[in-house]
Amino acid sequence: MPPGATRQIPVNEAVPETFGGYDYADAFTVTKRPGDTRDASQWTRAALDDAPPVVRSLIRLVWRRIVGFRLGPRPSPDHVLGWRIVDSTPEAIELRTESWQASGDIVVRVREDEVRFTTFLRFERGFPIRIMWPALARVHRFFVPRLLHWARS
């Protein structure tokens, strides 16, 4: 992979046991810069909390108003862009949120030369999320690589 390339990859992250099954999953990877020693929490905060303000606002708007996710405070040591930190080690961080229609889980894993961002989504209700998700998934797949690219910069 060329230096700095961000790309979608097959999901090979096991779904966290505490999350259970899922209806949608995707994964992206970005190559780290030489000498980058940030841990999973630092990478995740750089990608989400430190994204450009207009992007952060748009993402939170979609999460809250369209998907209905219950988001925590921002900034917060226990949340990243409103998603609750479920587990955190230097190598991986797991974030979770839920709504009446969907539950989401994000796992960011830092490896020697790359960072992987995996999203799991479970539909709690059939309508309206199943109808909206194909369009929302395209938006999601547009933004995640850019968030990783900005975090790498």
C-alpha atoms as a PDB file:
ATOM      1  CA  MET A   1       0.000   0.000   0.000  1.00  0.00           C
ATOM      2  CA  PRO A   2       1.436   3.430  -0.879  1.00  0.00           C
ATOM      3  CA  PRO A   3       2.471   5.593   2.084  1.00  0.00           C
ATOM      4  CA  GLY A   4      -0.539   7.376   3.534  1.00  0.00           C
ATOM      5  CA  ALA A   5      -3.045   5.410   1.472  1.00  0.00           C
ATOM      6  CA  THR A   6      -6.389   4.869   3.122  1.00  0.00           C
ATOM      7  CA  ARG A   7      -8.499   2.060   1.759  1.00  0.00           C
ATOM      8  CA  GLN A   8     -11.416  -0.180   2.522  1.00  0.00           C
ATOM      9  CA  ILE A   9     -10.427  -3.720   3.445  1.00  0.00           C
ATOM     10  CA  PRO A  10     -12.302  -6.935   4.265  1.00  0.00           C
ATOM     11  CA  VAL A  11     -13.622  -7.070   7.813  1.00  0.00           C
ATOM     12  CA  ASN A  12     -11.338  -9.434   9.697  1.00  0.00           C
ATOM     13  CA  GLU A  13     -11.921  -7.978  13.161  1.00  0.00           C
ATOM     14  CA  ALA A  14     -14.010 -10.285  15.337  1.00  0.00           C
ATOM     15  CA  VAL A  15     -17.225  -8.658  16.484  1.00  0.00           C
ATOM     16  CA  PRO A  16     -16.809  -7.820  20.183  1.00  0.00           C
ATOM     17  CA  GLU A  17     -18.505 -10.460  22.340  1.00  0.00           C
ATOM     18  CA  THR A  18     -20.357  -7.827  24.347  1.00  0.00           C
ATOM     19  CA  PHE A  19     -21.860  -6.373  21.150  1.00  0.00           C
ATOM     20  CA  GLY A  20     -23.226  -9.579  19.666  1.00  0.00           C
ATOM     21  CA  GLY A  21     -24.388  -9.954  16.089  1.00  0.00           C
ATOM     22  CA  TYR A  22     -24.419  -7.275  13.430  1.00  0.00           C
ATOM     23  CA  ASP A  23     -26.237  -6.415  10.208  1.00  0.00           C
ATOM     24  CA  TYR A  24     -23.515  -4.257   8.644  1.00  0.00           C
ATOM     25  CA  ALA A  25     -19.746  -4.084   9.022  1.00  0.00           C
ATOM     26  CA  ASP A  26     -16.921  -2.391   7.199  1.00  0.00           C
ATOM     27  CA  ALA A  27     -13.225  -1.786   7.793  1.00  0.00           C
ATOM     28  CA  PHE A  28     -10.659   0.730   6.619  1.00  0.00           C
ATOM     29  CA  THR A  29      -6.925   0.967   7.049  1.00  0.00           C
ATOM     30  CA  VAL A  30      -4.373   3.732   6.798  1.00  0.00           C
ATOM     31  CA  THR A  31      -0.593   3.433   6.785  1.00  0.00           C
ATOM     32  CA  LYS A  32       1.073   5.163   9.710  1.00  0.00           C
ATOM     33  CA  ARG A  33       3.756   7.781   9.206  1.00  0.00           C
ATOM     34  CA  PRO A  34       7.256   6.609  10.133  1.00  0.00           C
ATOM     35  CA  GLY A  35       7.868   7.226  13.814  1.00  0.00           C
ATOM     36  CA  ASP A  36       4.158   7.589  14.695  1.00  0.00           C
ATOM     37  CA  THR A  37       3.858   6.207  18.230  1.00  0.00           C
ATOM     38  CA  ARG A  38       0.262   7.226  18.991  1.00  0.00           C
ATOM     39  CA  ASP A  39      -1.849   4.625  20.730  1.00  0.00           C
ATOM     40  CA  ALA A  40      -5.390   3.588  19.740  1.00  0.00           C
ATOM     41  CA  SER A  41      -7.072   6.226  21.889  1.00  0.00           C
ATOM     42  CA  GLN A  42      -4.907   9.015  20.469  1.00  0.00           C
ATOM     43  CA  TRP A  43      -5.578   7.859  16.898  1.00  0.00           C
ATOM     44  CA  THR A  44      -9.310   7.634  17.519  1.00  0.00           C
ATOM     45  CA  ARG A  45      -9.479  11.087  19.080  1.00  0.00           C
ATOM     46  CA  ALA A  46      -7.414  12.508  16.204  1.00  0.00           C
ATOM     47  CA  ALA A  47      -9.793  10.940  13.662  1.00  0.00           C
ATOM     48  CA  LEU A  48     -13.077  11.844  15.359  1.00  0.00           C
ATOM     49  CA  ASP A  49     -12.668  14.534  18.035  1.00  0.00           C
ATOM     50  CA  ASP A  50     -10.101  16.503  16.027  1.00  0.00           C
ATOM     51  CA  ALA A  51     -11.804  16.258  12.618  1.00  0.00           C
ATOM     52  CA  PRO A  52     -12.565  19.612  10.980  1.00  0.00           C
ATOM     53  CA  PRO A  53     -15.381  21.334  12.946  1.00  0.00           C
ATOM     54  CA  VAL A  54     -17.878  21.307  10.083  1.00  0.00           C
ATOM     55  CA  VAL A  55     -17.293  17.574   9.550  1.00  0.00           C
ATOM     56  CA  ARG A  56     -17.682  16.839  13.270  1.00  0.00           C
ATOM     57  CA  SER A  57     -20.929  18.798  13.362  1.00  0.00           C
ATOM     58  CA  LEU A  58     -22.290  17.020  10.289  1.00  0.00           C
ATOM     59  CA  ILE A  59     -21.370  13.587  11.645  1.00  0.00           C
ATOM     60  CA  ARG A  60     -22.977  14.288  15.028  1.00  0.00           C
ATOM     61  CA  LEU A  61     -26.076  15.692  13.323  1.00  0.00           C
ATOM     62  CA  VAL A  62     -26.536  12.514  11.252  1.00  0.00           C
ATOM     63  CA  TRP A  63     -25.815  10.245  14.211  1.00  0.00           C
ATOM     64  CA  ARG A  64     -28.241  12.057  16.528  1.00  0.00           C
ATOM     65  CA  ARG A  65     -31.032  13.292  14.266  1.00  0.00           C
ATOM     66  CA  ILE A  66     -31.223  10.574  11.619  1.00  0.00           C
ATOM     67  CA  VAL A  67     -29.926   7.414  13.311  1.00  0.00           C
ATOM     68  CA  GLY A  68     -31.020   8.577  16.762  1.00  0.00           C
ATOM     69  CA  PHE A  69     -27.804   7.568  18.530  1.00  0.00           C
ATOM     70  CA  ARG A  70     -27.607   8.660  22.149  1.00  0.00           C
ATOM     71  CA  LEU A  71     -24.308  10.509  22.357  1.00  0.00           C
ATOM     72  CA  GLY A  72     -22.400  11.459  25.455  1.00  0.00           C
ATOM     73  CA  PRO A  73     -20.758  14.783  26.192  1.00  0.00           C
ATOM     74  CA  ARG A  74     -17.988  16.247  24.136  1.00  0.00           C
ATOM     75  CA  PRO A  75     -15.238  16.683  25.093  1.00  0.00           C
ATOM     76  CA  SER A  76     -15.115  13.874  27.609  1.00  0.00           C
ATOM     77  CA  PRO A  77     -12.494  11.426  28.879  1.00  0.00           C
ATOM     78  CA  ASP A  78     -15.149   8.659  28.712  1.00  0.00           C
ATOM     79  CA  HIS A  79     -16.424   9.385  25.187  1.00  0.00           C
ATOM     80  CA  VAL A  80     -15.022  10.014  21.713  1.00  0.00           C
ATOM     81  CA  LEU A  81     -17.264  12.309  19.662  1.00  0.00           C
ATOM     82  CA  GLY A  82     -20.093  11.181  21.921  1.00  0.00           C
ATOM     83  CA  TRP A  83     -19.503   7.421  21.594  1.00  0.00           C
ATOM     84  CA  ARG A  84     -18.931   5.686  24.955  1.00  0.00           C
ATOM     85  CA  ILE A  85     -15.514   4.066  25.450  1.00  0.00           C
ATOM     86  CA  VAL A  86     -16.233   0.406  26.240  1.00  0.00           C
ATOM     87  CA  ASP A  87     -12.647  -0.849  26.338  1.00  0.00           C
ATOM     88  CA  SER A  88      -9.264   0.727  25.755  1.00  0.00           C
ATOM     89  CA  THR A  89      -5.723  -0.598  25.568  1.00  0.00           C
ATOM     90  CA  PRO A  90      -2.740   0.972  23.819  1.00  0.00           C
ATOM     91  CA  GLU A  91      -3.358  -1.363  20.842  1.00  0.00           C
ATOM     92  CA  ALA A  92      -7.152  -1.079  20.533  1.00  0.00           C
ATOM     93  CA  ILE A  93     -10.139   0.991  21.583  1.00  0.00           C
ATOM     94  CA  GLU A  94     -13.796   0.023  21.378  1.00  0.00           C
ATOM     95  CA  LEU A  95     -16.576   2.603  21.204  1.00  0.00           C
ATOM     96  CA  ARG A  96     -20.313   1.972  21.410  1.00  0.00           C
ATOM     97  CA  THR A  97     -23.592   3.818  21.149  1.00  0.00           C
ATOM     98  CA  GLU A  98     -27.185   2.872  20.599  1.00  0.00           C
ATOM     99  CA  SER A  99     -30.597   4.195  19.648  1.00  0.00           C
ATOM    100  CA  TRP A 100     -34.102   2.854  19.416  1.00  0.00           C
ATOM    101  CA  GLN A 101     -33.385   1.686  15.865  1.00  0.00           C
ATOM    102  CA  ALA A 102     -29.683   0.726  15.794  1.00  0.00           C
ATOM    103  CA  SER A 103     -26.618  -0.040  17.900  1.00  0.00           C
ATOM    104  CA  GLY A 104     -23.093   0.769  16.752  1.00  0.00           C
ATOM    105  CA  ASP A 105     -19.657  -0.459  17.724  1.00  0.00           C
ATOM    106  CA  ILE A 106     -16.338   0.919  16.446  1.00  0.00           C
ATOM    107  CA  VAL A 107     -13.006  -0.827  16.994  1.00  0.00           C
ATOM    108  CA  VAL A 108      -9.800   1.053  16.195  1.00  0.00           C
ATOM    109  CA  ARG A 109      -6.708  -1.138  16.254  1.00  0.00           C
ATOM    110  CA  VAL A 110      -3.154   0.215  15.986  1.00  0.00           C
ATOM    111  CA  ARG A 111      -0.610  -2.131  14.472  1.00  0.00           C
ATOM    112  CA  GLU A 112       3.079  -1.659  13.765  1.00  0.00           C
ATOM    113  CA  ASP A 113       2.615   0.103  10.414  1.00  0.00           C
ATOM    114  CA  GLU A 114      -1.134   0.714  10.091  1.00  0.00           C
ATOM    115  CA  VAL A 115      -4.345   1.685  11.834  1.00  0.00           C
ATOM    116  CA  ARG A 116      -7.585  -0.231  11.248  1.00  0.00           C
ATOM    117  CA  PHE A 117     -11.014   1.295  11.794  1.00  0.00           C
ATOM    118  CA  THR A 118     -13.852  -1.257  11.898  1.00  0.00           C
ATOM    119  CA  THR A 119     -17.524  -0.375  12.255  1.00  0.00           C
ATOM    120  CA  PHE A 120     -20.297  -2.783  13.250  1.00  0.00           C
ATOM    121  CA  LEU A 121     -23.965  -1.829  13.092  1.00  0.00           C
ATOM    122  CA  ARG A 122     -26.935  -3.839  14.337  1.00  0.00           C
ATOM    123  CA  PHE A 123     -30.469  -2.892  13.351  1.00  0.00           C
ATOM    124  CA  GLU A 124     -32.741  -2.993  16.396  1.00  0.00           C
ATOM    125  CA  ARG A 125     -35.865  -2.165  14.359  1.00  0.00           C
ATOM    126  CA  GLY A 126     -36.609  -2.997  10.747  1.00  0.00           C
ATOM    127  CA  PHE A 127     -37.938   0.417   9.852  1.00  0.00           C
ATOM    128  CA  PRO A 128     -36.729   3.090   9.094  1.00  0.00           C
ATOM    129  CA  ILE A 129     -33.021   2.267   9.508  1.00  0.00           C
ATOM    130  CA  ARG A 130     -33.010  -0.605   6.994  1.00  0.00           C
ATOM    131  CA  ILE A 131     -34.431   1.736   4.368  1.00  0.00           C
ATOM    132  CA  MET A 132     -32.083   4.650   5.210  1.00  0.00           C
ATOM    133  CA  TRP A 133     -28.894   2.650   5.741  1.00  0.00           C
ATOM    134  CA  PRO A 134     -27.900   2.106   2.080  1.00  0.00           C
ATOM    135  CA  ALA A 135     -27.655   5.886   1.605  1.00  0.00           C
ATOM    136  CA  LEU A 136     -26.105   6.453   5.032  1.00  0.00           C
ATOM    137  CA  ALA A 137     -23.572   3.688   4.385  1.00  0.00           C
ATOM    138  CA  ARG A 138     -22.324   5.547   1.299  1.00  0.00           C
ATOM    139  CA  VAL A 139     -21.857   8.688   3.413  1.00  0.00           C
ATOM    140  CA  HIS A 140     -20.107   6.622   6.097  1.00  0.00           C
ATOM    141  CA  ARG A 141     -17.768   5.027   3.535  1.00  0.00           C
ATOM    142  CA  PHE A 142     -17.012   8.488   2.134  1.00  0.00           C
ATOM    143  CA  PHE A 143     -16.061  10.031   5.486  1.00  0.00           C
ATOM    144  CA  VAL A 144     -14.159   7.282   7.340  1.00  0.00           C
ATOM    145  CA  PRO A 145     -11.176   7.206   4.921  1.00  0.00           C
ATOM    146  CA  ARG A 146     -10.982  10.995   5.081  1.00  0.00           C
ATOM    147  CA  LEU A 147     -11.107  10.979   8.880  1.00  0.00           C
ATOM    148  CA  LEU A 148      -8.211   8.498   8.934  1.00  0.00           C
ATOM    149  CA  HIS A 149      -6.280  10.554   6.380  1.00  0.00           C
ATOM    150  CA  TRP A 150      -6.745  13.732   8.471  1.00  0.00           C
ATOM    151  CA  ALA A 151      -5.680  11.867  11.620  1.00  0.00           C
ATOM    152  CA  ARG A 152      -2.538  10.692   9.842  1.00  0.00           C
ATOM    153  CA  SER A 153      -1.593  14.218   8.720  1.00  0.00           C
END
